[in-house]
Amino acid sequence: MTKQEKVKFVIDKLQEFYPEIPIPLDHKDPYTLLVAVLLSAQCTDVRVNKITPLLFAKADNPFEMVKLSVDEIKEIIRPCGLSPMKSKGIYGLSKILIEKYNGEVPESFEGLEELPSVGHKTASVVMSQAFGVPAFPVDTHIHRLLYRWNLTNGKNVNQTEKDAKRLFPRELWNDLHLQIIWYGREYSPARGWDLEKDIITKTIGRKSVLDDYYKTKKTP
């Protein structure tokens, strides 16, 4: 298969597996999505979705959030990990949204990335899922899968994002990044990986990855 044929195979298979694409993080507007994405750093979406209702019951907008102290936020979000940094980030970005944007989340990468604790990946998720702007946020699943599929050299997430944007049609970016995440979780995880169930990697996988897999599966 040529690279373009591989790309088409990936797109077709993901569309077959996920014609309807669920959004992993529960939210009701750009602000609650922004907070949920920030909380998801080094934490599972399942856990974030258990904690955000508790936080949003007290404050689901910047004006209410700044009425809480950093310590109060920290106590609620503690199960998500990194709570000292995340609580300061949530409080700090809420304050800036009020002072600079009348409480609204800015619809630009620049505006988002200027906020405390908001990096490029978080900004990309918000731009794509809240505002429908084409973006390709690369998380660990996407980074792992595009390497397994030999569509990137896997040196770092920035390179993976560049390669993904170069290979896949722009109008599909927002769907694809979510489809790849779901596929990675279900069929191509980092641990407990069963290649027989992972049709995409089995068909187009990087030779060294497939060789390593079969080596580990050989009975001693």
N, C-alpha and C. Protein backbone atom coordinates (compact mmCIF):
# COMPACT_ATOMS: atom_id res chain seq x y z
N MET A 1 0.84 -1.20 0.00
CA MET A 1 0.00 0.00 0.00
C MET A 1 0.87 1.24 0.00
N THR A 2 0.48 2.23 -0.80
CA THR A 2 1.16 3.53 -0.72
C THR A 2 0.69 4.24 0.54
N LYS A 3 1.38 5.31 0.91
CA LYS A 3 0.99 6.07 2.10
C LYS A 3 -0.45 6.58 1.95
N GLN A 4 -0.79 7.08 0.75
CA GLN A 4 -2.15 7.61 0.55
C GLN A 4 -3.20 6.51 0.66
N GLU A 5 -2.85 5.32 0.19
CA GLU A 5 -3.79 4.19 0.32
C GLU A 5 -3.96 3.81 1.79
N LYS A 6 -2.85 3.87 2.53
CA LYS A 6 -2.94 3.61 3.97
C LYS A 6 -3.85 4.61 4.68
N VAL A 7 -3.65 5.88 4.31
CA VAL A 7 -4.47 6.95 4.91
C VAL A 7 -5.95 6.71 4.61
N LYS A 8 -6.25 6.36 3.38
CA LYS A 8 -7.65 6.09 2.99
C LYS A 8 -8.19 4.88 3.76
N PHE A 9 -7.36 3.86 3.92
CA PHE A 9 -7.76 2.66 4.67
C PHE A 9 -8.11 3.04 6.11
N VAL A 10 -7.25 3.87 6.73
CA VAL A 10 -7.50 4.31 8.12
C VAL A 10 -8.82 5.08 8.20
N ILE A 11 -9.00 6.04 7.30
CA ILE A 11 -10.23 6.86 7.32
C ILE A 11 -11.46 5.97 7.16
N ASP A 12 -11.43 5.06 6.18
CA ASP A 12 -12.59 4.20 5.91
C ASP A 12 -12.90 3.29 7.10
N LYS A 13 -11.84 2.70 7.68
CA LYS A 13 -12.06 1.78 8.82
C LYS A 13 -12.61 2.53 10.03
N LEU A 14 -12.04 3.70 10.31
CA LEU A 14 -12.51 4.47 11.48
C LEU A 14 -13.96 4.91 11.29
N GLN A 15 -14.32 5.25 10.06
CA GLN A 15 -15.70 5.64 9.78
C GLN A 15 -16.64 4.45 9.97
N GLU A 16 -16.13 3.29 9.61
CA GLU A 16 -16.92 2.05 9.76
C GLU A 16 -17.13 1.74 11.25
N PHE A 17 -16.06 1.89 12.05
CA PHE A 17 -16.14 1.60 13.49
C PHE A 17 -16.92 2.67 14.25
N TYR A 18 -16.72 3.94 13.85
CA TYR A 18 -17.32 5.05 14.63
C TYR A 18 -18.05 6.04 13.71
N PRO A 19 -19.18 5.60 13.13
CA PRO A 19 -19.94 6.55 12.30
C PRO A 19 -20.51 7.69 13.15
N GLU A 20 -20.89 7.35 14.38
CA GLU A 20 -21.30 8.37 15.36
C GLU A 20 -20.15 8.48 16.36
N ILE A 21 -19.72 9.70 16.63
CA ILE A 21 -18.53 9.84 17.47
C ILE A 21 -18.88 10.50 18.80
N PRO A 22 -18.83 9.73 19.90
CA PRO A 22 -19.11 10.34 21.19
C PRO A 22 -17.98 11.28 21.62
N ILE A 23 -18.35 12.35 22.32
CA ILE A 23 -17.34 13.27 22.88
C ILE A 23 -16.93 12.70 24.24
N PRO A 24 -15.62 12.47 24.45
CA PRO A 24 -15.21 11.79 25.69
C PRO A 24 -15.49 12.55 26.98
N LEU A 25 -15.38 13.89 26.94
CA LEU A 25 -15.53 14.66 28.19
C LEU A 25 -16.91 15.33 28.23
N ASP A 26 -17.63 15.10 29.31
CA ASP A 26 -18.95 15.72 29.47
C ASP A 26 -18.80 17.22 29.68
N HIS A 27 -19.60 18.01 28.96
CA HIS A 27 -19.57 19.47 29.11
C HIS A 27 -20.83 20.05 28.48
N LYS A 28 -21.10 21.32 28.78
CA LYS A 28 -22.30 21.93 28.20
C LYS A 28 -21.99 23.18 27.38
N ASP A 29 -20.76 23.68 27.50
CA ASP A 29 -20.40 24.89 26.77
C ASP A 29 -18.86 24.99 26.72
N PRO A 30 -18.32 25.99 26.01
CA PRO A 30 -16.86 26.08 25.89
C PRO A 30 -16.13 26.16 27.23
N TYR A 31 -16.71 26.86 28.21
CA TYR A 31 -16.03 27.00 29.50
C TYR A 31 -15.91 25.65 30.23
N THR A 32 -17.03 24.92 30.30
CA THR A 32 -16.99 23.64 31.02
C THR A 32 -16.10 22.64 30.27
N LEU A 33 -16.05 22.74 28.95
CA LEU A 33 -15.13 21.87 28.19
C LEU A 33 -13.68 22.23 28.52
N LEU A 34 -13.39 23.53 28.53
CA LEU A 34 -12.02 23.99 28.83
C LEU A 34 -11.55 23.45 30.18
N VAL A 35 -12.40 23.56 31.19
CA VAL A 35 -12.04 23.09 32.53
C VAL A 35 -11.87 21.57 32.52
N ALA A 36 -12.77 20.86 31.85
CA ALA A 36 -12.70 19.40 31.80
C ALA A 36 -11.41 18.93 31.10
N VAL A 37 -11.04 19.61 30.03
CA VAL A 37 -9.82 19.22 29.30
C VAL A 37 -8.60 19.48 30.18
N LEU A 38 -8.59 20.60 30.86
CA LEU A 38 -7.48 20.91 31.76
C LEU A 38 -7.35 19.82 32.84
N LEU A 39 -8.49 19.38 33.37
CA LEU A 39 -8.47 18.34 34.41
C LEU A 39 -8.02 16.99 33.88
N SER A 40 -8.18 16.77 32.57
CA SER A 40 -7.89 15.45 32.00
C SER A 40 -6.40 15.18 31.82
N ALA A 41 -5.55 16.18 32.04
CA ALA A 41 -4.10 15.95 31.93
C ALA A 41 -3.68 14.88 32.94
N GLN A 42 -3.07 13.82 32.43
CA GLN A 42 -2.61 12.69 33.26
C GLN A 42 -3.72 12.12 34.14
N CYS A 43 -4.94 12.14 33.61
CA CYS A 43 -6.09 11.59 34.33
C CYS A 43 -7.05 11.01 33.30
N THR A 44 -7.77 9.96 33.65
CA THR A 44 -8.68 9.36 32.68
C THR A 44 -9.94 10.22 32.51
N ASP A 45 -10.52 10.15 31.32
CA ASP A 45 -11.77 10.89 31.06
C ASP A 45 -12.89 10.39 31.97
N VAL A 46 -12.87 9.10 32.27
CA VAL A 46 -13.92 8.53 33.14
C VAL A 46 -13.89 9.21 34.51
N ARG A 47 -12.68 9.37 35.04
CA ARG A 47 -12.55 10.02 36.35
C ARG A 47 -12.94 11.50 36.28
N VAL A 48 -12.49 12.16 35.22
CA VAL A 48 -12.84 13.58 35.06
C VAL A 48 -14.36 13.75 35.03
N ASN A 49 -15.05 12.85 34.30
CA ASN A 49 -16.51 12.94 34.20
C ASN A 49 -17.22 12.66 35.52
N LYS A 50 -16.51 12.05 36.48
CA LYS A 50 -17.10 11.86 37.82
C LYS A 50 -16.91 13.10 38.68
N ILE A 51 -15.81 13.83 38.42
CA ILE A 51 -15.46 14.97 39.26
C ILE A 51 -16.11 16.28 38.77
N THR A 52 -16.20 16.46 37.45
CA THR A 52 -16.73 17.74 36.95
C THR A 52 -18.15 18.05 37.43
N PRO A 53 -19.06 17.07 37.57
CA PRO A 53 -20.39 17.44 38.09
C PRO A 53 -20.32 18.04 39.49
N LEU A 54 -19.38 17.55 40.31
CA LEU A 54 -19.23 18.08 41.67
C LEU A 54 -18.72 19.52 41.63
N LEU A 55 -17.75 19.75 40.72
CA LEU A 55 -17.20 21.11 40.59
C LEU A 55 -18.22 22.06 39.97
N PHE A 56 -18.88 21.61 38.90
CA PHE A 56 -19.80 22.49 38.18
C PHE A 56 -21.10 22.74 38.96
N ALA A 57 -21.39 21.88 39.93
CA ALA A 57 -22.56 22.14 40.80
C ALA A 57 -22.31 23.40 41.62
N LYS A 58 -21.03 23.65 41.94
CA LYS A 58 -20.68 24.87 42.69
C LYS A 58 -20.37 26.04 41.77
N ALA A 59 -19.75 25.74 40.61
CA ALA A 59 -19.33 26.82 39.71
C ALA A 59 -19.18 26.27 38.29
N ASP A 60 -20.11 26.67 37.41
CA ASP A 60 -20.01 26.20 36.02
C ASP A 60 -19.75 27.36 35.05
N ASN A 61 -19.26 28.48 35.62
CA ASN A 61 -18.89 29.63 34.79
C ASN A 61 -17.79 30.40 35.53
N PRO A 62 -17.05 31.25 34.82
CA PRO A 62 -15.92 31.93 35.47
C PRO A 62 -16.32 32.80 36.65
N PHE A 63 -17.49 33.44 36.56
CA PHE A 63 -17.92 34.37 37.61
C PHE A 63 -18.15 33.63 38.94
N GLU A 64 -18.72 32.42 38.85
CA GLU A 64 -18.93 31.62 40.06
C GLU A 64 -17.61 30.99 40.52
N MET A 65 -16.77 30.61 39.54
CA MET A 65 -15.52 29.91 39.89
C MET A 65 -14.61 30.79 40.74
N VAL A 66 -14.54 32.09 40.42
CA VAL A 66 -13.63 32.95 41.19
C VAL A 66 -14.16 33.27 42.58
N LYS A 67 -15.42 32.90 42.84
CA LYS A 67 -15.94 33.04 44.20
C LYS A 67 -15.40 31.92 45.11
N LEU A 68 -14.96 30.83 44.49
CA LEU A 68 -14.32 29.76 45.26
C LEU A 68 -12.85 30.12 45.46
N SER A 69 -12.27 29.61 46.50
CA SER A 69 -10.82 29.80 46.68
C SER A 69 -10.09 28.70 45.91
N VAL A 70 -8.79 28.94 45.67
CA VAL A 70 -7.97 27.91 45.00
C VAL A 70 -8.01 26.62 45.82
N ASP A 71 -7.98 26.75 47.14
CA ASP A 71 -8.01 25.55 48.01
C ASP A 71 -9.33 24.78 47.90
N GLU A 72 -10.44 25.52 47.77
CA GLU A 72 -11.74 24.85 47.60
C GLU A 72 -11.78 24.07 46.28
N ILE A 73 -11.27 24.70 45.23
CA ILE A 73 -11.22 24.02 43.92
C ILE A 73 -10.33 22.79 44.03
N LYS A 74 -9.18 22.98 44.68
CA LYS A 74 -8.19 21.89 44.81
C LYS A 74 -8.81 20.68 45.51
N GLU A 75 -9.58 20.94 46.57
CA GLU A 75 -10.19 19.85 47.34
C GLU A 75 -11.16 19.03 46.48
N ILE A 76 -11.93 19.73 45.63
CA ILE A 76 -12.93 19.03 44.79
C ILE A 76 -12.24 18.21 43.70
N ILE A 77 -11.19 18.77 43.10
CA ILE A 77 -10.57 18.11 41.94
C ILE A 77 -9.42 17.18 42.32
N ARG A 78 -9.16 17.04 43.60
CA ARG A 78 -8.01 16.23 44.06
C ARG A 78 -7.91 14.85 43.38
N PRO A 79 -9.04 14.12 43.21
CA PRO A 79 -8.93 12.78 42.60
C PRO A 79 -8.39 12.80 41.16
N CYS A 80 -8.39 13.95 40.51
CA CYS A 80 -7.88 14.02 39.13
C CYS A 80 -6.36 14.13 39.07
N GLY A 81 -5.71 14.29 40.24
CA GLY A 81 -4.25 14.40 40.24
C GLY A 81 -3.78 15.79 39.85
N LEU A 82 -2.54 16.11 40.21
CA LEU A 82 -1.94 17.43 39.92
C LEU A 82 -2.83 18.57 40.39
N SER A 83 -3.55 18.35 41.47
CA SER A 83 -4.57 19.33 41.89
C SER A 83 -4.00 20.70 42.29
N PRO A 84 -2.79 20.81 42.86
CA PRO A 84 -2.30 22.16 43.17
C PRO A 84 -2.15 23.02 41.91
N MET A 85 -1.58 22.42 40.87
CA MET A 85 -1.37 23.17 39.63
C MET A 85 -2.70 23.41 38.89
N LYS A 86 -3.54 22.37 38.84
CA LYS A 86 -4.80 22.50 38.09
C LYS A 86 -5.75 23.49 38.76
N SER A 87 -5.79 23.50 40.09
CA SER A 87 -6.70 24.43 40.79
C SER A 87 -6.27 25.88 40.55
N LYS A 88 -4.95 26.13 40.59
CA LYS A 88 -4.47 27.49 40.29
C LYS A 88 -4.79 27.87 38.85
N GLY A 89 -4.64 26.89 37.94
CA GLY A 89 -4.93 27.15 36.53
C GLY A 89 -6.40 27.50 36.31
N ILE A 90 -7.29 26.72 36.92
CA ILE A 90 -8.74 26.95 36.74
C ILE A 90 -9.14 28.31 37.32
N TYR A 91 -8.62 28.61 38.51
CA TYR A 91 -8.93 29.91 39.12
C TYR A 91 -8.35 31.05 38.28
N GLY A 92 -7.09 30.88 37.89
CA GLY A 92 -6.40 31.94 37.13
C GLY A 92 -7.02 32.20 35.78
N LEU A 93 -7.37 31.15 35.04
CA LEU A 93 -7.95 31.37 33.72
C LEU A 93 -9.37 31.96 33.84
N SER A 94 -10.08 31.58 34.90
CA SER A 94 -11.42 32.13 35.11
C SER A 94 -11.35 33.64 35.33
N LYS A 95 -10.34 34.06 36.11
CA LYS A 95 -10.14 35.48 36.40
C LYS A 95 -9.83 36.25 35.11
N ILE A 96 -8.95 35.67 34.28
CA ILE A 96 -8.58 36.33 33.02
C ILE A 96 -9.78 36.40 32.07
N LEU A 97 -10.57 35.32 32.02
CA LEU A 97 -11.75 35.32 31.14
C LEU A 97 -12.71 36.46 31.52
N ILE A 98 -12.84 36.70 32.82
CA ILE A 98 -13.73 37.79 33.28
C ILE A 98 -13.12 39.14 32.91
N GLU A 99 -11.84 39.31 33.23
CA GLU A 99 -11.19 40.62 33.04
C GLU A 99 -11.00 40.98 31.57
N LYS A 100 -10.71 39.97 30.75
CA LYS A 100 -10.31 40.26 29.38
C LYS A 100 -11.37 39.91 28.33
N TYR A 101 -12.24 38.93 28.66
CA TYR A 101 -13.18 38.43 27.64
C TYR A 101 -14.63 38.44 28.10
N ASN A 102 -14.96 39.25 29.11
CA ASN A 102 -16.33 39.31 29.63
C ASN A 102 -16.88 37.92 30.01
N GLY A 103 -15.99 37.05 30.47
CA GLY A 103 -16.43 35.74 30.91
C GLY A 103 -16.57 34.70 29.81
N GLU A 104 -16.29 35.11 28.56
CA GLU A 104 -16.41 34.18 27.43
C GLU A 104 -15.05 33.53 27.13
N VAL A 105 -15.09 32.32 26.62
CA VAL A 105 -13.85 31.64 26.22
C VAL A 105 -13.45 32.15 24.82
N PRO A 106 -12.22 32.61 24.65
CA PRO A 106 -11.82 33.15 23.35
C PRO A 106 -11.81 32.08 22.26
N GLU A 107 -12.22 32.47 21.05
CA GLU A 107 -12.28 31.52 19.93
C GLU A 107 -11.01 31.61 19.09
N SER A 108 -9.86 31.56 19.73
CA SER A 108 -8.60 31.58 18.98
C SER A 108 -7.54 30.79 19.73
N PHE A 109 -6.64 30.18 18.98
CA PHE A 109 -5.54 29.44 19.60
C PHE A 109 -4.70 30.37 20.47
N GLU A 110 -4.44 31.58 19.95
CA GLU A 110 -3.58 32.53 20.68
C GLU A 110 -4.21 32.89 22.02
N GLY A 111 -5.51 33.24 21.98
CA GLY A 111 -6.21 33.62 23.21
C GLY A 111 -6.23 32.50 24.22
N LEU A 112 -6.49 31.29 23.75
CA LEU A 112 -6.55 30.14 24.66
C LEU A 112 -5.19 29.81 25.25
N GLU A 113 -4.15 29.84 24.40
CA GLU A 113 -2.83 29.43 24.87
C GLU A 113 -2.19 30.45 25.80
N GLU A 114 -2.76 31.65 25.87
CA GLU A 114 -2.27 32.64 26.83
C GLU A 114 -2.81 32.39 28.24
N LEU A 115 -3.85 31.54 28.34
CA LEU A 115 -4.47 31.29 29.65
C LEU A 115 -3.59 30.35 30.48
N PRO A 116 -3.61 30.51 31.81
CA PRO A 116 -2.79 29.64 32.68
C PRO A 116 -3.17 28.17 32.51
N SER A 117 -2.18 27.31 32.48
CA SER A 117 -2.35 25.85 32.40
C SER A 117 -2.98 25.36 31.10
N VAL A 118 -3.09 26.24 30.10
CA VAL A 118 -3.66 25.83 28.81
C VAL A 118 -2.55 25.75 27.78
N GLY A 119 -2.21 24.54 27.39
CA GLY A 119 -1.19 24.34 26.36
C GLY A 119 -1.83 24.17 24.99
N HIS A 120 -1.02 23.83 24.02
CA HIS A 120 -1.49 23.71 22.64
C HIS A 120 -2.54 22.60 22.48
N LYS A 121 -2.31 21.49 23.17
CA LYS A 121 -3.26 20.37 23.03
C LYS A 121 -4.63 20.74 23.58
N THR A 122 -4.65 21.35 24.78
CA THR A 122 -5.92 21.77 25.38
C THR A 122 -6.62 22.78 24.47
N ALA A 123 -5.87 23.75 23.96
CA ALA A 123 -6.44 24.75 23.06
C ALA A 123 -7.02 24.08 21.82
N SER A 124 -6.31 23.08 21.29
CA SER A 124 -6.77 22.38 20.09
C SER A 124 -8.08 21.63 20.33
N VAL A 125 -8.19 21.00 21.50
CA VAL A 125 -9.43 20.28 21.83
C VAL A 125 -10.60 21.26 21.91
N VAL A 126 -10.38 22.39 22.58
CA VAL A 126 -11.46 23.38 22.72
C VAL A 126 -11.83 23.98 21.36
N MET A 127 -10.84 24.30 20.55
CA MET A 127 -11.12 24.87 19.23
C MET A 127 -11.92 23.90 18.37
N SER A 128 -11.55 22.61 18.44
CA SER A 128 -12.23 21.64 17.58
C SER A 128 -13.61 21.26 18.13
N GLN A 129 -13.70 20.98 19.43
CA GLN A 129 -14.95 20.45 19.97
C GLN A 129 -15.95 21.54 20.37
N ALA A 130 -15.46 22.70 20.78
CA ALA A 130 -16.39 23.76 21.20
C ALA A 130 -16.74 24.69 20.04
N PHE A 131 -15.77 24.93 19.16
CA PHE A 131 -15.99 25.93 18.11
C PHE A 131 -15.96 25.36 16.69
N GLY A 132 -15.70 24.06 16.55
CA GLY A 132 -15.73 23.43 15.23
C GLY A 132 -14.60 23.85 14.29
N VAL A 133 -13.54 24.43 14.86
CA VAL A 133 -12.39 24.85 14.04
C VAL A 133 -11.49 23.63 13.82
N PRO A 134 -11.09 23.33 12.58
CA PRO A 134 -10.24 22.15 12.35
C PRO A 134 -8.95 22.20 13.18
N ALA A 135 -8.74 21.15 13.96
CA ALA A 135 -7.52 21.04 14.78
C ALA A 135 -7.24 19.55 14.94
N PHE A 136 -6.03 19.21 15.30
CA PHE A 136 -5.70 17.79 15.47
C PHE A 136 -4.94 17.60 16.77
N PRO A 137 -5.66 17.69 17.91
CA PRO A 137 -4.97 17.51 19.20
C PRO A 137 -4.39 16.10 19.28
N VAL A 138 -3.13 16.00 19.64
CA VAL A 138 -2.48 14.69 19.71
C VAL A 138 -2.31 14.28 21.17
N ASP A 139 -3.04 13.23 21.57
CA ASP A 139 -2.84 12.68 22.91
C ASP A 139 -2.00 11.41 22.80
N THR A 140 -1.85 10.69 23.91
CA THR A 140 -0.97 9.51 23.90
C THR A 140 -1.49 8.43 22.94
N HIS A 141 -2.82 8.30 22.84
CA HIS A 141 -3.38 7.28 21.94
C HIS A 141 -3.02 7.59 20.48
N ILE A 142 -3.24 8.85 20.08
CA ILE A 142 -2.97 9.24 18.69
C ILE A 142 -1.47 9.11 18.40
N HIS A 143 -0.66 9.55 19.34
CA HIS A 143 0.80 9.46 19.18
C HIS A 143 1.23 8.00 18.99
N ARG A 144 0.68 7.12 19.82
CA ARG A 144 1.02 5.70 19.74
C ARG A 144 0.53 5.08 18.42
N LEU A 145 -0.72 5.37 18.05
CA LEU A 145 -1.30 4.73 16.88
C LEU A 145 -0.67 5.20 15.57
N LEU A 146 -0.42 6.49 15.44
CA LEU A 146 0.18 6.96 14.18
C LEU A 146 1.60 6.40 14.03
N TYR A 147 2.27 6.16 15.14
CA TYR A 147 3.58 5.50 15.06
C TYR A 147 3.40 4.02 14.67
N ARG A 148 2.47 3.35 15.33
CA ARG A 148 2.22 1.94 15.00
C ARG A 148 1.83 1.79 13.52
N TRP A 149 1.09 2.77 13.01
CA TRP A 149 0.61 2.70 11.62
C TRP A 149 1.65 3.21 10.61
N ASN A 150 2.83 3.57 11.12
CA ASN A 150 3.93 4.04 10.27
C ASN A 150 3.56 5.32 9.51
N LEU A 151 2.76 6.18 10.16
CA LEU A 151 2.37 7.44 9.54
C LEU A 151 3.13 8.62 10.14
N THR A 152 3.97 8.33 11.13
CA THR A 152 4.84 9.36 11.71
C THR A 152 6.05 8.65 12.30
N ASN A 153 7.13 9.41 12.49
CA ASN A 153 8.33 8.79 13.09
C ASN A 153 8.21 8.70 14.61
N GLY A 154 7.18 9.35 15.17
CA GLY A 154 6.92 9.22 16.59
C GLY A 154 7.92 9.88 17.51
N LYS A 155 8.73 10.83 16.97
CA LYS A 155 9.75 11.46 17.81
C LYS A 155 9.13 12.27 18.95
N ASN A 156 8.08 13.00 18.66
CA ASN A 156 7.38 13.76 19.71
C ASN A 156 5.98 14.10 19.23
N VAL A 157 5.14 14.57 20.14
CA VAL A 157 3.74 14.84 19.77
C VAL A 157 3.63 15.98 18.75
N ASN A 158 4.56 16.94 18.79
CA ASN A 158 4.51 18.04 17.82
C ASN A 158 4.71 17.51 16.40
N GLN A 159 5.67 16.60 16.25
CA GLN A 159 5.92 16.01 14.94
C GLN A 159 4.73 15.17 14.50
N THR A 160 4.15 14.42 15.42
CA THR A 160 2.99 13.59 15.10
C THR A 160 1.83 14.47 14.62
N GLU A 161 1.63 15.60 15.30
CA GLU A 161 0.55 16.51 14.89
C GLU A 161 0.80 17.06 13.48
N LYS A 162 2.03 17.46 13.21
CA LYS A 162 2.37 17.96 11.86
C LYS A 162 2.10 16.90 10.80
N ASP A 163 2.54 15.68 11.08
CA ASP A 163 2.35 14.59 10.11
C ASP A 163 0.87 14.29 9.90
N ALA A 164 0.11 14.27 11.00
CA ALA A 164 -1.33 13.99 10.89
C ALA A 164 -2.03 15.05 10.03
N LYS A 165 -1.67 16.31 10.26
CA LYS A 165 -2.28 17.40 9.50
C LYS A 165 -1.89 17.36 8.03
N ARG A 166 -0.68 16.87 7.78
CA ARG A 166 -0.21 16.80 6.40
C ARG A 166 -0.90 15.65 5.65
N LEU A 167 -1.14 14.54 6.35
CA LEU A 167 -1.66 13.33 5.71
C LEU A 167 -3.18 13.31 5.56
N PHE A 168 -3.88 13.80 6.57
CA PHE A 168 -5.34 13.67 6.57
C PHE A 168 -6.01 14.96 6.09
N PRO A 169 -7.14 14.83 5.37
CA PRO A 169 -7.85 16.02 4.89
C PRO A 169 -8.33 16.89 6.06
N ARG A 170 -8.12 18.19 5.91
CA ARG A 170 -8.44 19.15 6.97
C ARG A 170 -9.88 19.02 7.48
N GLU A 171 -10.81 18.78 6.55
CA GLU A 171 -12.23 18.74 6.95
C GLU A 171 -12.55 17.51 7.81
N LEU A 172 -11.60 16.56 7.88
CA LEU A 172 -11.83 15.36 8.71
C LEU A 172 -11.08 15.40 10.03
N TRP A 173 -10.25 16.39 10.24
CA TRP A 173 -9.40 16.42 11.44
C TRP A 173 -10.19 16.24 12.73
N ASN A 174 -11.27 17.01 12.88
CA ASN A 174 -12.00 17.00 14.15
C ASN A 174 -12.62 15.64 14.44
N ASP A 175 -13.15 14.99 13.40
CA ASP A 175 -13.70 13.64 13.59
C ASP A 175 -12.59 12.63 13.84
N LEU A 176 -11.55 12.71 13.02
CA LEU A 176 -10.48 11.70 13.09
C LEU A 176 -9.78 11.67 14.44
N HIS A 177 -9.51 12.84 15.00
CA HIS A 177 -8.75 12.80 16.26
C HIS A 177 -9.55 12.07 17.34
N LEU A 178 -10.88 12.22 17.32
CA LEU A 178 -11.70 11.49 18.30
C LEU A 178 -11.83 10.02 17.93
N GLN A 179 -12.00 9.73 16.64
CA GLN A 179 -12.12 8.33 16.21
C GLN A 179 -10.85 7.54 16.55
N ILE A 180 -9.70 8.17 16.35
CA ILE A 180 -8.43 7.49 16.66
C ILE A 180 -8.31 7.24 18.17
N ILE A 181 -8.73 8.21 18.99
CA ILE A 181 -8.70 8.03 20.45
C ILE A 181 -9.56 6.83 20.85
N TRP A 182 -10.79 6.77 20.33
CA TRP A 182 -11.68 5.66 20.69
C TRP A 182 -11.11 4.33 20.19
N TYR A 183 -10.58 4.34 18.96
CA TYR A 183 -10.01 3.11 18.41
C TYR A 183 -8.82 2.65 19.26
N GLY A 184 -7.97 3.60 19.64
CA GLY A 184 -6.80 3.27 20.47
C GLY A 184 -7.20 2.64 21.78
N ARG A 185 -8.23 3.19 22.40
CA ARG A 185 -8.68 2.65 23.69
C ARG A 185 -9.26 1.24 23.55
N GLU A 186 -10.02 1.04 22.48
CA GLU A 186 -10.74 -0.23 22.33
C GLU A 186 -9.91 -1.34 21.68
N TYR A 187 -9.12 -0.97 20.68
CA TYR A 187 -8.48 -2.01 19.86
C TYR A 187 -6.95 -1.99 19.84
N SER A 188 -6.36 -0.85 20.23
CA SER A 188 -4.91 -0.76 20.12
C SER A 188 -4.30 -0.07 21.34
N PRO A 189 -4.59 -0.63 22.54
CA PRO A 189 -4.09 0.02 23.77
C PRO A 189 -2.59 -0.20 23.95
N ALA A 190 -2.01 0.54 24.85
CA ALA A 190 -0.58 0.38 25.15
C ALA A 190 -0.34 -0.95 25.86
N ARG A 191 -1.24 -1.31 26.78
CA ARG A 191 -1.10 -2.58 27.51
C ARG A 191 -2.25 -3.51 27.16
N GLY A 192 -1.98 -4.81 27.21
CA GLY A 192 -3.04 -5.78 26.93
C GLY A 192 -3.51 -5.72 25.48
N TRP A 193 -2.58 -5.42 24.60
CA TRP A 193 -2.90 -5.24 23.19
C TRP A 193 -3.04 -6.59 22.50
N ASP A 194 -4.16 -6.78 21.79
CA ASP A 194 -4.38 -8.00 21.01
C ASP A 194 -4.43 -7.62 19.53
N LEU A 195 -3.36 -7.93 18.83
CA LEU A 195 -3.23 -7.51 17.43
C LEU A 195 -4.33 -8.11 16.56
N GLU A 196 -4.83 -9.30 16.94
CA GLU A 196 -5.88 -9.94 16.13
C GLU A 196 -7.14 -9.09 16.07
N LYS A 197 -7.38 -8.31 17.12
CA LYS A 197 -8.57 -7.44 17.14
C LYS A 197 -8.29 -6.08 16.51
N ASP A 198 -7.01 -5.79 16.31
CA ASP A 198 -6.59 -4.46 15.83
C ASP A 198 -6.35 -4.52 14.31
N ILE A 199 -7.44 -4.46 13.55
CA ILE A 199 -7.39 -4.67 12.10
C ILE A 199 -6.51 -3.63 11.39
N ILE A 200 -6.52 -2.39 11.89
CA ILE A 200 -5.75 -1.35 11.20
C ILE A 200 -4.25 -1.62 11.33
N THR A 201 -3.78 -1.83 12.57
CA THR A 201 -2.35 -2.09 12.76
C THR A 201 -1.94 -3.40 12.08
N LYS A 202 -2.82 -4.40 12.15
CA LYS A 202 -2.50 -5.69 11.54
C LYS A 202 -2.31 -5.54 10.03
N THR A 203 -3.07 -4.63 9.43
CA THR A 203 -3.03 -4.46 7.98
C THR A 203 -1.91 -3.54 7.52
N ILE A 204 -1.69 -2.43 8.24
CA ILE A 204 -0.73 -1.42 7.73
C ILE A 204 0.39 -1.12 8.72
N GLY A 205 0.48 -1.91 9.79
CA GLY A 205 1.41 -1.58 10.87
C GLY A 205 2.88 -1.53 10.46
N ARG A 206 3.63 -0.72 11.19
CA ARG A 206 5.08 -0.62 11.01
C ARG A 206 5.70 -2.00 11.24
N LYS A 207 6.60 -2.40 10.35
CA LYS A 207 7.17 -3.75 10.41
C LYS A 207 7.84 -4.03 11.77
N SER A 208 8.60 -3.07 12.27
CA SER A 208 9.31 -3.30 13.53
C SER A 208 8.33 -3.49 14.69
N VAL A 209 7.21 -2.77 14.65
CA VAL A 209 6.19 -2.90 15.71
C VAL A 209 5.56 -4.29 15.65
N LEU A 210 5.22 -4.74 14.44
CA LEU A 210 4.61 -6.06 14.28
C LEU A 210 5.60 -7.16 14.67
N ASP A 211 6.86 -6.99 14.26
CA ASP A 211 7.89 -7.99 14.61
C ASP A 211 8.04 -8.10 16.13
N ASP A 212 8.09 -6.94 16.79
CA ASP A 212 8.22 -6.93 18.26
C ASP A 212 7.03 -7.61 18.92
N TYR A 213 5.84 -7.32 18.37
CA TYR A 213 4.61 -7.92 18.93
C TYR A 213 4.69 -9.45 18.85
N TYR A 214 5.04 -9.94 17.67
CA TYR A 214 5.06 -11.40 17.49
C TYR A 214 6.16 -12.06 18.32
N LYS A 215 7.26 -11.34 18.51
CA LYS A 215 8.35 -11.86 19.35
C LYS A 215 7.86 -12.08 20.78
N THR A 216 7.14 -11.09 21.30
CA THR A 216 6.66 -11.19 22.70
C THR A 216 5.59 -12.25 22.84
N LYS A 217 4.90 -12.55 21.75
CA LYS A 217 3.81 -13.53 21.82
C LYS A 217 4.29 -14.97 21.65
N LYS A 218 5.53 -15.12 21.18
CA LYS A 218 6.05 -16.49 21.00
C LYS A 218 6.18 -17.19 22.34
N THR A 219 5.77 -18.42 22.39
CA THR A 219 5.91 -19.15 23.66
C THR A 219 7.37 -19.56 23.84
N PRO A 220 7.88 -19.44 25.04
CA PRO A 220 9.28 -19.76 25.27
C PRO A 220 9.55 -21.27 25.10
